[in-house]
Amino acid sequence: MPRVVDPVERRDEVAQAVWRVIRRDGLAEASVRNVAREAGLSMGSLRHYFASQSELLAFTLRTVIERIDTRIAALETGGDPRERAERVLAEVLPLDPERRAENEVWLAFTAQSMVDPSLRSVRDEGHRALRAGCREIVSTLTEKQEYEAERLHALVDGLAVHAAVRPDETTPEVMRAVIARHLDELARR
C-alpha cells in the first residue's frame, strides 16, 4: 500500500532541502533538479508541490518569515516592555544555528530579489514585517517613535548582515550586548 504523504510536511521538507543547498552551494545552485536530489525526490514529485523554481524559492523565503512569526507569537506577552523587546529581537537575530541558517537564506534571497522580480513581493513582506515589529517595540519604550523605529530597524538589519559576513566578530554575545544597550537608551528617554 502506498504511503500517504502530508503535503504540508513535504513542502516543509523541500524548504529545508532548499536551505541546505543554498547554505552549502549558494542560491544559484538551488535549481529544481538540485533541490529534488537534496530532498530525495524525483523532479516530477517536486513539481507536484511547486510548479516553478520561482514558486519554490518564494515559498522558501516565506518559510523564514513564518518561522520567525511563530517564535515571536509563542513568547510570553505582558511584563516589562524593555525585556519583551529584547526577547522579540532575539528571535530575529542570528543568535543560534537555526536563526543563523534563516539569516543566511534571507540574505541570499534578498540579494537575488534585486534581479528576480518574482521574489520582491516576499522580500518586501519580510521587510514590512520587521519594520512594523520595530515600530511596535519602540512605541512601548519611547515617544520619539518614527525616527527610533527606523534606527532600530537599521540596527537589526546591520547586525544580521555583519553576523553573516563576519560571524567571528559579530557574535551572538556582541549582538545581544548591542541590542541591550540600544534598548536601555530607548527606555531611558
Foldseek 3Di string as FASTA:
>chain_A
DDDDDDLVVLLVLLLVLLLVCCVVPNNVPSALCSSCVSSVHDSVVVCVNPVHSLRSLLVSLVVLVVVLVVQLVPDDDDDDLLVNLLVSLVSQACQDPVNLSSLSSLVRLVVVCVPVVSNVVSNVVSLVVQLVSLLVSLVSAADVRPVRSVVVSVLSVVLSVCCNVPVVVSHSVNSSVVSSVSSVVSNVD
